[in-house]
N, C-alpha and C. Protein backbone atom coordinates (compact mmCIF):
# COMPACT_ATOMS: atom_id res chain seq x y z
N MET A 1 -16.71 17.64 1.76
CA MET A 1 -17.93 17.29 1.10
C MET A 1 -17.87 15.98 -0.07
N GLU A 2 -18.86 15.10 0.95
CA GLU A 2 -18.76 13.65 -0.14
C GLU A 2 -19.82 13.72 -1.23
N ALA A 3 -18.82 13.06 -2.16
CA ALA A 3 -19.35 12.94 -3.40
C ALA A 3 -20.33 12.47 -3.61
N THR A 4 -21.49 12.30 -4.35
CA THR A 4 -23.05 11.76 -4.99
C THR A 4 -22.82 11.06 -5.89
N THR A 5 -23.09 9.85 -6.16
CA THR A 5 -23.58 9.47 -7.88
C THR A 5 -23.95 11.19 -8.69
N SER A 6 -25.12 11.51 -8.45
CA SER A 6 -25.65 12.50 -9.08
C SER A 6 -24.65 13.30 -9.81
N SER A 7 -23.84 13.96 -8.98
CA SER A 7 -22.61 14.97 -9.13
C SER A 7 -21.46 14.73 -10.10
N PHE A 8 -21.28 13.46 -9.93
CA PHE A 8 -20.01 12.93 -10.24
C PHE A 8 -20.27 13.18 -11.86
N ASP A 9 -19.61 13.65 -12.74
CA ASP A 9 -19.66 13.81 -14.09
C ASP A 9 -18.32 13.35 -14.83
N PRO A 10 -18.53 11.97 -15.84
CA PRO A 10 -17.31 10.66 -15.85
C PRO A 10 -16.84 11.94 -16.79
N VAL A 11 -17.44 12.81 -17.72
CA VAL A 11 -16.44 13.63 -19.24
C VAL A 11 -15.92 14.17 -18.56
N LYS A 12 -16.34 14.91 -17.72
CA LYS A 12 -15.43 16.07 -16.86
C LYS A 12 -14.41 15.55 -16.54
N TYR A 13 -14.51 14.90 -15.53
CA TYR A 13 -13.73 13.82 -14.70
C TYR A 13 -12.78 13.57 -15.85
N ASN A 14 -12.82 12.65 -16.98
CA ASN A 14 -12.08 12.21 -17.77
C ASN A 14 -10.89 13.14 -18.93
N ALA A 15 -11.78 14.18 -19.10
CA ALA A 15 -11.30 15.20 -19.80
C ALA A 15 -10.24 16.38 -18.36
N ALA A 16 -10.29 15.96 -17.70
CA ALA A 16 -9.18 16.37 -16.39
C ALA A 16 -7.75 15.84 -16.30
N VAL A 17 -8.50 14.65 -16.01
CA VAL A 17 -7.32 13.83 -16.07
C VAL A 17 -6.54 13.51 -17.16
N MET A 18 -7.33 13.55 -18.38
CA MET A 18 -6.58 13.50 -19.87
C MET A 18 -5.44 15.13 -19.72
N GLU A 19 -5.98 15.78 -19.47
CA GLU A 19 -5.16 17.34 -19.57
C GLU A 19 -4.19 17.40 -18.65
N GLN A 20 -4.10 16.60 -17.46
CA GLN A 20 -3.11 16.66 -16.61
C GLN A 20 -2.16 15.73 -17.08
N LEU A 21 -2.46 14.37 -18.11
CA LEU A 21 -1.58 13.20 -18.31
C LEU A 21 -0.44 14.20 -19.55
N GLN A 22 -1.68 15.29 -20.00
CA GLN A 22 -0.89 15.60 -21.91
C GLN A 22 -0.24 16.65 -20.87
N ALA A 23 0.07 17.30 -19.89
CA ALA A 23 0.94 18.45 -19.11
C ALA A 23 2.03 17.69 -18.90
N ARG A 24 2.28 16.34 -18.64
CA ARG A 24 3.62 15.75 -18.10
C ARG A 24 3.58 14.82 -19.22
N ASP A 25 3.33 15.08 -20.40
CA ASP A 25 3.68 13.98 -21.43
C ASP A 25 3.60 12.44 -21.31
N PHE A 26 2.51 12.45 -20.35
CA PHE A 26 1.87 11.19 -20.28
C PHE A 26 3.12 10.16 -19.53
N LEU A 27 3.67 11.13 -18.99
CA LEU A 27 4.60 10.12 -17.71
C LEU A 27 3.92 9.95 -16.41
N PRO A 28 4.21 9.23 -15.36
CA PRO A 28 3.34 8.73 -14.27
C PRO A 28 3.58 9.67 -13.52
N SER A 29 2.78 10.04 -12.59
CA SER A 29 3.19 11.16 -11.76
C SER A 29 4.02 10.58 -10.25
N VAL A 30 3.58 9.03 -9.87
CA VAL A 30 4.24 7.93 -8.79
C VAL A 30 4.20 6.75 -9.85
N PRO A 31 5.31 6.05 -10.24
CA PRO A 31 5.13 5.13 -10.55
C PRO A 31 5.37 3.78 -9.56
N PHE A 32 4.45 2.84 -10.10
CA PHE A 32 4.70 1.18 -8.89
C PHE A 32 5.79 0.51 -9.60
N ILE A 33 6.17 0.17 -8.85
CA ILE A 33 7.43 -1.15 -8.89
C ILE A 33 6.57 -2.04 -8.46
N GLN A 34 6.62 -3.45 -8.85
CA GLN A 34 6.39 -4.42 -8.55
C GLN A 34 7.52 -5.23 -7.94
N LEU A 35 8.22 -5.60 -7.05
CA LEU A 35 9.56 -6.05 -7.05
C LEU A 35 8.93 -7.81 -7.14
N CYS A 36 7.82 -7.75 -6.35
CA CYS A 36 7.68 -9.42 -6.16
C CYS A 36 6.19 -9.96 -6.69
N GLY A 37 6.40 -10.75 -7.29
CA GLY A 37 5.18 -11.78 -7.83
C GLY A 37 4.70 -12.19 -7.41
N LYS A 38 4.15 -12.68 -5.70
CA LYS A 38 4.04 -13.72 -5.27
C LYS A 38 3.57 -13.41 -4.07
N CYS A 39 2.34 -13.89 -3.60
CA CYS A 39 1.70 -13.38 -2.46
C CYS A 39 1.43 -14.45 -1.51
N ASN A 40 1.33 -14.36 0.18
CA ASN A 40 0.82 -15.17 1.07
C ASN A 40 -0.63 -14.99 1.46
N LEU A 41 -1.00 -14.19 0.88
CA LEU A 41 -2.65 -14.01 0.92
C LEU A 41 -3.53 -14.16 -0.18
N LYS A 42 -4.72 -14.35 -0.02
CA LYS A 42 -6.04 -14.53 -1.09
C LYS A 42 -7.07 -13.78 -0.30
N CYS A 43 -6.57 -12.34 -0.40
CA CYS A 43 -7.66 -11.16 0.16
C CYS A 43 -9.04 -11.45 -1.01
N ALA A 44 -9.98 -10.96 0.03
CA ALA A 44 -11.15 -11.16 -0.64
C ALA A 44 -11.61 -10.07 -1.89
N MET A 45 -10.96 -8.61 -1.51
CA MET A 45 -11.01 -7.57 -2.47
C MET A 45 -10.38 -7.74 -3.69
N CYS A 46 -9.36 -9.39 -3.94
CA CYS A 46 -8.09 -9.22 -4.63
C CYS A 46 -8.11 -9.82 -5.61
N PRO A 47 -7.90 -10.02 -6.63
CA PRO A 47 -8.14 -10.89 -7.86
C PRO A 47 -7.21 -12.12 -7.92
N ALA A 48 -6.38 -12.52 -6.96
CA ALA A 48 -5.94 -13.84 -6.43
C ALA A 48 -6.13 -15.20 -7.25
N ASP A 49 -7.33 -15.23 -7.31
CA ASP A 49 -7.65 -16.52 -7.75
C ASP A 49 -7.73 -16.36 -9.66
N PHE A 50 -7.46 -15.27 -9.93
CA PHE A 50 -7.48 -15.16 -11.54
C PHE A 50 -5.90 -15.04 -12.00
N TRP A 51 -4.90 -15.02 -11.03
CA TRP A 51 -3.86 -15.07 -11.46
C TRP A 51 -2.90 -16.10 -11.84
N GLU A 52 -2.12 -16.49 -12.94
CA GLU A 52 -1.68 -17.27 -13.61
C GLU A 52 -0.34 -18.13 -13.02
N THR A 53 0.33 -16.93 -12.07
CA THR A 53 1.28 -17.31 -11.59
C THR A 53 1.30 -16.67 -9.78
N ASN A 54 2.06 -17.42 -9.10
CA ASN A 54 2.22 -16.97 -7.96
C ASN A 54 3.78 -16.97 -7.38
N SER A 55 4.73 -16.20 -8.26
CA SER A 55 5.84 -16.30 -8.18
C SER A 55 6.46 -14.88 -8.98
N GLY A 56 7.81 -15.38 -8.69
CA GLY A 56 8.54 -13.87 -9.53
C GLY A 56 9.13 -13.01 -8.60
N LEU A 57 10.51 -12.96 -8.61
CA LEU A 57 10.98 -11.96 -8.08
C LEU A 57 12.07 -10.89 -9.13
N MET A 58 12.10 -9.56 -8.80
CA MET A 58 12.83 -8.51 -9.83
C MET A 58 14.34 -8.77 -9.20
N PRO A 59 15.13 -8.67 -10.39
CA PRO A 59 16.27 -8.74 -9.92
C PRO A 59 17.02 -7.35 -10.01
N PHE A 60 18.52 -7.06 -9.33
CA PHE A 60 18.62 -5.79 -8.52
C PHE A 60 19.34 -4.95 -9.86
N ASP A 61 19.58 -5.47 -10.87
CA ASP A 61 19.46 -4.86 -12.25
C ASP A 61 18.83 -4.15 -12.77
N LEU A 62 17.70 -4.87 -12.84
CA LEU A 62 16.44 -4.22 -13.72
C LEU A 62 16.01 -3.11 -12.68
N PHE A 63 15.70 -3.43 -11.62
CA PHE A 63 15.91 -2.27 -10.41
C PHE A 63 16.47 -1.07 -10.95
N GLN A 64 17.75 -1.09 -11.13
CA GLN A 64 18.84 -0.30 -11.15
C GLN A 64 18.24 0.71 -12.17
N HIS A 65 17.84 0.06 -13.41
CA HIS A 65 17.68 0.07 -14.93
C HIS A 65 16.35 0.64 -15.07
N VAL A 66 15.25 0.80 -14.17
CA VAL A 66 14.53 1.32 -14.05
C VAL A 66 14.12 2.73 -13.08
N LEU A 67 15.48 3.07 -12.08
CA LEU A 67 15.58 3.68 -11.27
C LEU A 67 16.30 5.03 -12.06
N ASN A 68 17.52 4.15 -13.48
CA ASN A 68 17.95 5.35 -14.54
C ASN A 68 16.93 5.87 -14.94
N GLU A 69 15.88 4.99 -15.28
CA GLU A 69 14.85 5.81 -16.91
C GLU A 69 13.88 6.12 -16.03
N LEU A 70 13.81 6.49 -14.48
CA LEU A 70 12.73 7.30 -14.21
C LEU A 70 13.84 8.80 -14.01
N SER A 71 14.91 8.57 -13.28
CA SER A 71 15.95 9.86 -13.02
C SER A 71 15.97 10.82 -14.43
N ARG A 72 15.88 10.19 -15.62
CA ARG A 72 16.05 10.80 -16.96
C ARG A 72 14.47 11.40 -17.01
N ALA A 73 13.52 10.98 -16.53
CA ALA A 73 12.34 11.34 -16.94
C ALA A 73 12.24 12.11 -15.98
N GLY A 74 12.89 12.59 -14.95
CA GLY A 74 12.43 13.76 -13.67
C GLY A 74 11.61 13.19 -12.91
N ILE A 75 11.76 12.20 -12.98
CA ILE A 75 10.46 11.45 -11.90
C ILE A 75 11.09 11.14 -10.53
N GLY A 76 10.00 12.01 -9.22
CA GLY A 76 11.45 11.71 -7.82
C GLY A 76 10.25 11.00 -7.17
N THR A 77 9.13 10.40 -7.43
CA THR A 77 8.44 9.80 -6.78
C THR A 77 8.20 8.09 -6.68
N LEU A 78 8.38 7.23 -6.34
CA LEU A 78 7.97 6.06 -6.43
C LEU A 78 7.45 5.06 -5.82
N GLY A 79 6.44 4.40 -5.88
CA GLY A 79 6.00 3.41 -4.99
C GLY A 79 6.43 1.67 -5.23
N PHE A 80 6.66 1.00 -3.60
CA PHE A 80 6.51 -0.25 -4.26
C PHE A 80 5.36 -0.94 -3.94
N ALA A 81 4.85 -1.33 -5.01
CA ALA A 81 3.41 -1.95 -4.88
C ALA A 81 3.29 -2.87 -4.53
N SER A 82 1.71 -3.54 -4.20
CA SER A 82 1.61 -4.70 -3.99
C SER A 82 0.27 -5.36 -4.80
N ALA A 83 0.21 -4.63 -5.38
CA ALA A 83 -1.23 -4.53 -6.56
C ALA A 83 -1.24 -6.54 -6.66
N GLN A 84 0.11 -6.95 -6.83
CA GLN A 84 0.24 -8.72 -7.21
C GLN A 84 1.27 -9.08 -6.48
N GLY A 85 1.06 -9.45 -5.33
CA GLY A 85 2.60 -9.62 -4.59
C GLY A 85 2.78 -8.94 -3.52
N GLU A 86 3.29 -9.41 -2.63
CA GLU A 86 3.97 -8.61 -1.38
C GLU A 86 5.15 -8.13 -1.29
N PRO A 87 5.60 -6.97 -0.99
CA PRO A 87 7.16 -6.79 -1.30
C PRO A 87 8.31 -6.87 -0.52
N PHE A 88 7.28 -7.18 0.82
CA PHE A 88 8.72 -7.60 1.70
C PHE A 88 8.75 -9.65 1.72
N LEU A 89 7.94 -10.11 0.47
CA LEU A 89 8.26 -11.55 0.40
C LEU A 89 9.55 -11.33 -0.40
N HIS A 90 10.07 -10.44 -0.97
CA HIS A 90 11.36 -10.40 -1.63
C HIS A 90 12.23 -10.44 -0.71
N PRO A 91 13.63 -11.46 -0.41
CA PRO A 91 14.68 -11.34 0.27
C PRO A 91 15.27 -9.95 0.31
N ASP A 92 15.71 -9.31 -0.59
CA ASP A 92 16.49 -8.20 -0.73
C ASP A 92 15.79 -7.17 -0.69
N VAL A 93 14.08 -6.99 -0.20
CA VAL A 93 13.38 -6.15 -0.21
C VAL A 93 14.68 -4.47 0.58
N PHE A 94 15.12 -4.78 1.22
CA PHE A 94 16.00 -3.15 2.16
C PHE A 94 16.94 -2.74 1.01
N PRO A 95 17.86 -3.60 0.98
CA PRO A 95 18.54 -3.12 -0.32
C PRO A 95 17.93 -1.91 -1.36
N PHE A 96 16.84 -2.62 -1.96
CA PHE A 96 16.19 -2.13 -2.75
C PHE A 96 15.79 -0.79 -2.72
N LEU A 97 15.11 -0.70 -0.81
CA LEU A 97 14.54 0.62 -0.53
C LEU A 97 15.98 1.58 -0.62
N GLU A 98 17.04 0.68 0.26
CA GLU A 98 17.71 1.84 0.49
C GLU A 98 18.68 2.44 -0.79
N GLU A 99 18.42 1.72 -1.61
CA GLU A 99 18.86 1.90 -3.16
C GLU A 99 17.94 3.43 -3.70
N ALA A 100 16.99 3.10 -3.78
CA ALA A 100 16.01 4.29 -4.20
C ALA A 100 16.19 5.27 -3.09
N ILE A 101 16.17 5.24 -2.04
CA ILE A 101 16.30 6.15 -0.71
C ILE A 101 17.61 6.88 -1.35
N GLY A 102 18.55 6.40 -1.64
CA GLY A 102 19.92 6.83 -1.41
C GLY A 102 20.31 7.25 -3.01
N ARG A 103 19.86 7.24 -3.61
CA ARG A 103 19.54 8.51 -5.41
C ARG A 103 18.31 9.34 -5.43
N GLY A 104 18.08 9.23 -4.03
CA GLY A 104 17.08 10.94 -3.56
C GLY A 104 15.66 10.77 -4.01
N PHE A 105 15.38 9.36 -4.44
CA PHE A 105 13.77 9.25 -4.58
C PHE A 105 13.16 9.55 -3.23
N LYS A 106 11.88 9.93 -3.33
CA LYS A 106 11.03 9.80 -2.37
C LYS A 106 10.06 8.48 -2.42
N VAL A 107 9.85 7.82 -1.14
CA VAL A 107 9.31 6.44 -1.66
C VAL A 107 8.46 5.96 -0.83
N ILE A 108 7.60 5.33 -1.48
CA ILE A 108 6.47 4.87 -0.79
C ILE A 108 6.48 3.43 -0.68
N VAL A 109 6.23 2.59 0.47
CA VAL A 109 5.92 1.23 0.55
C VAL A 109 4.75 0.50 0.53
N SER A 110 4.08 -0.62 0.48
CA SER A 110 2.99 -0.90 0.73
C SER A 110 3.12 -2.52 0.91
N THR A 111 2.40 -2.76 2.32
CA THR A 111 2.56 -4.24 3.00
C THR A 111 1.25 -4.54 3.32
N ASN A 112 1.17 -5.98 3.40
CA ASN A 112 -0.01 -6.57 4.47
C ASN A 112 -0.01 -6.64 5.58
N GLY A 113 1.41 -6.21 5.72
CA GLY A 113 2.16 -6.38 7.54
C GLY A 113 2.19 -7.53 7.93
N THR A 114 2.05 -8.78 7.61
CA THR A 114 1.86 -10.18 7.71
C THR A 114 3.41 -10.65 7.82
N VAL A 115 4.34 -10.26 7.07
CA VAL A 115 5.71 -10.70 6.82
C VAL A 115 6.70 -9.79 7.66
N LEU A 116 5.82 -9.10 8.38
CA LEU A 116 6.87 -8.35 9.53
C LEU A 116 7.36 -8.59 10.45
N ASN A 117 8.34 -8.19 10.95
CA ASN A 117 8.27 -8.63 12.62
C ASN A 117 9.32 -7.29 13.28
N GLU A 118 9.59 -7.15 14.56
CA GLU A 118 10.20 -6.26 15.33
C GLU A 118 11.58 -5.64 14.91
N SER A 119 11.60 -6.67 14.19
CA SER A 119 13.77 -6.28 13.73
C SER A 119 13.02 -5.78 12.79
N ARG A 120 12.25 -6.27 11.48
CA ARG A 120 12.11 -5.48 10.21
C ARG A 120 11.19 -4.28 10.26
N ILE A 121 10.70 -4.28 11.59
CA ILE A 121 9.49 -2.60 11.61
C ILE A 121 10.93 -1.61 11.95
N GLN A 122 11.17 -2.21 12.75
CA GLN A 122 12.86 -1.13 13.70
C GLN A 122 13.49 -0.61 12.29
N GLN A 123 13.68 -1.39 11.34
CA GLN A 123 14.32 -1.08 10.13
C GLN A 123 13.58 -0.04 9.21
N LEU A 124 12.25 -0.20 8.89
CA LEU A 124 11.23 0.41 8.76
C LEU A 124 11.72 1.74 8.79
N ALA A 125 11.55 2.43 10.19
CA ALA A 125 11.03 3.31 10.84
C ALA A 125 12.87 4.09 11.13
N CYS A 126 13.99 3.29 10.69
CA CYS A 126 14.91 4.46 10.24
C CYS A 126 15.00 4.87 8.97
N LEU A 127 14.53 4.19 8.03
CA LEU A 127 14.56 4.81 6.76
C LEU A 127 13.89 5.86 6.29
N ARG A 128 14.32 6.50 5.64
CA ARG A 128 13.62 8.04 5.31
C ARG A 128 12.61 7.91 4.21
N LEU A 129 11.43 6.85 4.58
CA LEU A 129 10.19 6.70 3.46
C LEU A 129 9.25 7.99 3.58
N LEU A 130 8.89 8.31 2.90
CA LEU A 130 7.74 9.10 2.15
C LEU A 130 6.33 8.54 3.15
N GLN A 131 6.40 7.22 2.60
CA GLN A 131 4.85 6.66 3.60
C GLN A 131 4.77 5.29 3.31
N ILE A 132 4.43 4.55 4.45
CA ILE A 132 4.15 3.40 4.84
C ILE A 132 2.50 3.11 4.52
N GLN A 133 2.19 2.39 3.16
CA GLN A 133 0.92 1.78 3.20
C GLN A 133 0.43 0.74 3.47
N PHE A 134 -0.32 0.40 5.17
CA PHE A 134 -0.36 -0.46 5.84
C PHE A 134 -1.99 -1.12 5.18
N SER A 135 -2.06 -2.41 4.64
CA SER A 135 -3.31 -2.79 4.06
C SER A 135 -3.91 -3.97 5.19
N PHE A 136 -5.01 -2.81 5.75
CA PHE A 136 -5.70 -3.62 6.38
C PHE A 136 -7.43 -3.00 6.82
N PHE A 137 -7.89 -4.14 6.83
CA PHE A 137 -9.55 -3.69 7.54
C PHE A 137 -10.19 -4.77 7.92
N GLY A 138 -10.98 -4.41 9.05
CA GLY A 138 -11.92 -5.43 9.97
C GLY A 138 -11.83 -4.40 11.29
N TYR A 139 -12.58 -5.29 11.98
CA TYR A 139 -12.58 -4.89 13.57
C TYR A 139 -12.74 -5.76 15.02
N ASP A 140 -12.23 -7.12 13.97
CA ASP A 140 -12.09 -8.33 14.96
C ASP A 140 -11.85 -9.19 14.13
N LYS A 141 -11.60 -10.24 14.91
CA LYS A 141 -11.04 -11.63 13.90
C LYS A 141 -11.32 -11.92 12.69
N GLU A 142 -12.61 -12.18 13.39
CA GLU A 142 -13.42 -12.52 12.21
C GLU A 142 -13.81 -11.94 11.00
N SER A 143 -14.18 -10.58 11.27
CA SER A 143 -14.13 -9.51 10.08
C SER A 143 -12.68 -9.58 9.22
N TYR A 144 -11.78 -9.38 10.20
CA TYR A 144 -10.40 -9.21 9.30
C TYR A 144 -9.83 -10.31 8.52
N GLU A 145 -10.10 -11.51 8.82
CA GLU A 145 -9.52 -12.47 8.63
C GLU A 145 -10.57 -13.41 7.47
N THR A 146 -11.67 -12.85 7.13
CA THR A 146 -12.32 -13.12 6.36
C THR A 146 -11.99 -12.26 5.20
N THR A 147 -11.09 -11.27 5.66
CA THR A 147 -11.24 -10.31 4.19
C THR A 147 -9.68 -10.65 4.16
N TYR A 148 -8.74 -10.94 4.52
CA TYR A 148 -7.33 -11.05 4.40
C TYR A 148 -7.15 -12.59 4.58
N ARG A 149 -7.55 -13.31 3.51
CA ARG A 149 -7.52 -14.96 3.92
C ARG A 149 -5.85 -15.27 4.13
N GLY A 150 -5.80 -15.96 5.25
CA GLY A 150 -4.19 -16.43 5.67
C GLY A 150 -3.68 -15.73 6.28
N ALA A 151 -4.14 -14.79 6.75
CA ALA A 151 -3.61 -13.56 7.89
C ALA A 151 -3.92 -13.97 9.18
N ARG A 152 -3.38 -13.90 10.21
CA ARG A 152 -3.75 -14.05 11.69
C ARG A 152 -4.10 -12.80 12.09
N PHE A 153 -4.83 -12.56 12.52
CA PHE A 153 -5.39 -11.09 13.06
C PHE A 153 -4.56 -10.64 14.14
N GLU A 154 -4.44 -11.29 15.24
CA GLU A 154 -3.68 -10.91 16.50
C GLU A 154 -2.10 -10.52 15.67
N HIS A 155 -1.61 -11.40 15.00
CA HIS A 155 0.02 -11.01 14.78
C HIS A 155 0.18 -9.63 13.99
N VAL A 156 -0.94 -9.38 13.07
CA VAL A 156 -0.85 -8.01 12.18
C VAL A 156 -1.23 -6.99 13.04
N VAL A 157 -2.06 -7.33 13.88
CA VAL A 157 -2.82 -5.88 14.41
C VAL A 157 -1.59 -5.82 15.72
N LYS A 158 -0.53 -6.89 15.92
CA LYS A 158 0.66 -6.57 16.99
C LYS A 158 1.95 -5.52 16.06
N ASN A 159 1.51 -6.07 15.23
CA ASN A 159 2.71 -5.40 13.82
C ASN A 159 2.23 -3.98 13.81
N LEU A 160 1.11 -3.88 13.80
CA LEU A 160 0.42 -2.41 13.01
C LEU A 160 0.70 -1.26 14.50
N VAL A 161 0.39 -1.80 15.46
CA VAL A 161 0.63 -1.27 16.89
C VAL A 161 2.35 -0.59 16.96
N LEU A 162 2.92 -1.80 16.57
CA LEU A 162 4.47 -1.68 16.88
C LEU A 162 5.14 -0.55 15.96
N LEU A 163 4.63 -0.66 14.54
CA LEU A 163 5.03 -0.10 13.43
C LEU A 163 4.39 1.74 13.75
N LYS A 164 3.45 1.63 14.22
CA LYS A 164 2.94 3.17 14.61
C LYS A 164 3.65 3.42 15.83
N GLU A 165 4.32 2.93 17.14
CA GLU A 165 4.91 3.27 17.66
C GLU A 165 6.37 3.69 17.68
N SER A 166 6.79 3.38 16.54
CA SER A 166 8.09 2.85 16.14
C SER A 166 8.58 4.59 15.17
N LEU A 167 7.32 4.37 14.09
CA LEU A 167 7.64 5.98 13.69
C LEU A 167 7.28 6.94 14.82
N ALA A 168 6.42 6.69 15.42
CA ALA A 168 6.41 7.99 16.38
C ALA A 168 8.00 8.40 17.26
N LYS A 169 8.55 7.33 17.57
CA LYS A 169 9.68 7.69 17.77
C LYS A 169 11.23 7.88 17.10
N SER A 170 10.62 7.78 15.73
CA SER A 170 11.86 8.48 15.27
C SER A 170 11.74 9.94 14.51
N ASP A 171 12.78 10.03 13.99
CA ASP A 171 12.46 11.65 13.41
C ASP A 171 12.53 11.97 11.71
N ASN A 172 12.21 10.75 11.50
CA ASN A 172 12.22 10.92 9.54
C ASN A 172 10.79 11.25 8.81
N LYS A 173 10.27 11.55 9.86
CA LYS A 173 8.45 12.07 9.30
C LYS A 173 7.88 11.21 8.26
N THR A 174 7.98 9.72 8.66
CA THR A 174 7.58 9.14 7.48
C THR A 174 5.78 8.89 7.66
N GLU A 175 5.17 9.03 6.57
CA GLU A 175 3.77 9.18 6.98
C GLU A 175 3.21 7.41 7.03
N LEU A 176 2.13 7.23 7.64
CA LEU A 176 1.73 6.13 7.69
C LEU A 176 0.16 5.99 7.10
N LEU A 177 -0.19 5.56 6.46
CA LEU A 177 -1.58 5.45 5.98
C LEU A 177 -2.13 3.74 5.96
N VAL A 178 -2.98 3.77 6.66
CA VAL A 178 -3.43 2.29 6.86
C VAL A 178 -5.11 2.35 6.24
N ASN A 179 -4.87 1.41 4.64
CA ASN A 179 -6.14 1.54 3.88
C ASN A 179 -6.30 -0.20 3.81
N GLY A 180 -7.76 -0.03 3.44
CA GLY A 180 -8.36 -1.44 3.09
C GLY A 180 -9.44 -1.16 2.57
N VAL A 181 -9.96 -2.29 2.14
CA VAL A 181 -11.34 -2.25 1.07
C VAL A 181 -12.66 -3.16 1.61
N SER A 182 -13.44 -2.64 2.23
CA SER A 182 -14.23 -3.60 2.63
C SER A 182 -15.32 -4.38 1.55
N PRO A 183 -14.92 -5.61 1.46
CA PRO A 183 -15.38 -6.35 0.40
C PRO A 183 -16.77 -6.86 0.21
N THR A 184 -17.74 -6.58 1.76
CA THR A 184 -19.08 -6.43 1.06
C THR A 184 -19.71 -5.61 0.97
N GLY A 185 -19.13 -4.07 0.95
CA GLY A 185 -19.67 -3.00 0.37
C GLY A 185 -20.67 -2.60 1.72
N ASP A 186 -20.20 -2.92 2.95
CA ASP A 186 -20.89 -2.80 4.20
C ASP A 186 -20.38 -1.56 4.44
N ALA A 187 -21.41 -0.19 4.65
CA ALA A 187 -20.76 1.30 5.28
C ALA A 187 -20.42 1.06 6.45
N ALA A 188 -21.06 -0.10 7.33
CA ALA A 188 -21.48 -0.34 8.80
C ALA A 188 -19.51 -0.61 9.15
N SER A 189 -19.47 -1.54 8.42
CA SER A 189 -18.08 -1.99 8.72
C SER A 189 -16.92 -1.14 8.28
N VAL A 190 -17.22 -0.48 7.29
CA VAL A 190 -16.39 0.75 7.44
C VAL A 190 -16.34 1.97 8.53
N ARG A 191 -16.99 1.88 9.36
CA ARG A 191 -17.14 2.46 10.24
C ARG A 191 -16.74 2.22 11.81
N ARG A 192 -17.05 1.01 11.33
CA ARG A 192 -16.45 -0.06 12.74
C ARG A 192 -14.97 -0.18 12.60
N THR A 193 -14.56 -0.17 11.39
CA THR A 193 -12.72 -0.83 11.22
C THR A 193 -12.29 0.92 11.75
N TYR A 194 -12.70 2.06 11.32
CA TYR A 194 -12.34 3.15 11.60
C TYR A 194 -12.34 3.39 13.27
N GLU A 195 -13.76 2.84 13.79
CA GLU A 195 -13.35 3.21 15.24
C GLU A 195 -12.33 2.21 15.84
N PHE A 196 -12.18 0.70 15.56
CA PHE A 196 -11.26 0.08 15.93
C PHE A 196 -9.47 0.38 15.99
N LEU A 197 -9.23 1.01 14.66
CA LEU A 197 -8.24 1.42 14.54
C LEU A 197 -7.82 2.60 15.16
N ASN A 198 -8.98 3.51 15.27
CA ASN A 198 -8.69 4.63 16.32
C ASN A 198 -8.36 4.17 18.00
N LYS A 199 -9.25 2.59 18.67
CA LYS A 199 -8.19 2.56 19.63
C LYS A 199 -6.98 2.07 19.19
N LEU A 200 -6.59 1.66 18.64
CA LEU A 200 -5.09 0.89 18.46
C LEU A 200 -4.48 2.45 18.62
N GLY A 201 -4.86 3.80 18.73
CA GLY A 201 -4.00 4.70 18.43
C GLY A 201 -3.75 5.50 16.63
N ILE A 202 -4.44 4.88 16.22
CA ILE A 202 -4.23 5.16 14.40
C ILE A 202 -5.28 6.49 14.16
N SER A 203 -4.47 7.72 13.90
CA SER A 203 -5.65 8.36 13.87
C SER A 203 -6.64 8.75 12.55
N GLU A 204 -7.94 9.52 12.45
CA GLU A 204 -8.47 9.83 11.29
C GLU A 204 -7.94 10.29 9.91
N ASN A 205 -6.72 10.70 9.75
CA ASN A 205 -6.31 11.31 9.25
C ASN A 205 -4.91 10.78 8.34
N GLU A 206 -4.88 8.99 9.19
CA GLU A 206 -3.93 8.10 9.40
C GLU A 206 -4.89 6.67 8.14
N ILE A 207 -6.27 7.29 8.16
CA ILE A 207 -7.09 5.76 7.78
C ILE A 207 -7.56 6.45 6.11
N LEU A 208 -7.52 5.15 5.43
CA LEU A 208 -8.10 5.45 4.12
C LEU A 208 -9.12 3.56 4.24
N ALA A 209 -10.11 3.89 4.52
CA ALA A 209 -11.14 2.27 4.34
C ALA A 209 -12.19 2.79 3.72
N VAL A 210 -12.47 1.70 2.27
CA VAL A 210 -13.59 2.44 1.58
C VAL A 210 -14.31 1.10 1.15
N LEU A 211 -15.10 1.50 0.36
CA LEU A 211 -16.00 0.85 -0.22
C LEU A 211 -15.61 -0.11 -1.57
N PRO A 212 -16.05 -1.04 -1.92
CA PRO A 212 -15.37 -1.72 -2.98
C PRO A 212 -14.99 -1.17 -4.54
N CYS A 213 -13.66 -1.11 -4.65
CA CYS A 213 -13.95 -1.04 -6.34
C CYS A 213 -14.08 -2.36 -7.00
N ASN A 214 -13.29 -2.41 -8.48
CA ASN A 214 -13.54 -3.27 -9.15
C ASN A 214 -12.43 -4.48 -8.83
N PHE A 215 -11.07 -4.10 -8.31
CA PHE A 215 -10.10 -4.84 -8.78
C PHE A 215 -9.92 -5.87 -8.45
N GLY A 216 -10.99 -6.70 -7.42
CA GLY A 216 -11.33 -7.92 -7.63
C GLY A 216 -12.34 -8.90 -8.68
N GLY A 217 -12.56 -7.92 -9.48
CA GLY A 217 -13.74 -8.16 -10.53
C GLY A 217 -15.21 -8.58 -9.79
N ARG A 218 -14.93 -7.51 -8.58
CA ARG A 218 -16.55 -8.07 -7.77
C ARG A 218 -17.52 -7.08 -8.01
């Protein structure tokens, strides 16, 4: 059932979240690691205009330290986030992924798909990832490229289709989630995005296209 503003009780919601946090001693359930502090896009729903820097790469020894701390805390799932920075701009992203998987972590990786190619997609499909989150919103060249400023619609669609096909051929059971935010808050654009992705072979349960949150200050 779709939630409505009138049925949402922020006090009860916050209390439930706090109860869950206290139950796990305020440890994160799925911590996000940012390998790369730079991005090749300036998306409409992102606060990229306010970033003071667009650079920085996590060194491997720091990453190993983080994994050690997560293991000691009993945390078994982690995400390679793209909250500020595209993970696949890190030149050693695959050794980082392989290290985490090899140490028994369930791994989620997020990408805007722009710096993928056939070789990298085949590598991704062969890894035992828990989930690949592919950021995408739009239903044609104009709607996509005005949202993902600096990206090329045809290239990213080609990568998305190839990723879907490659995962289907693998036996690793990696989930695909195509997620995106409508920067205009237009429910019709959300519907058209679902319809476009369906035509590419992406099923309903593999799509999360939503109306804006306040991540970009909008």
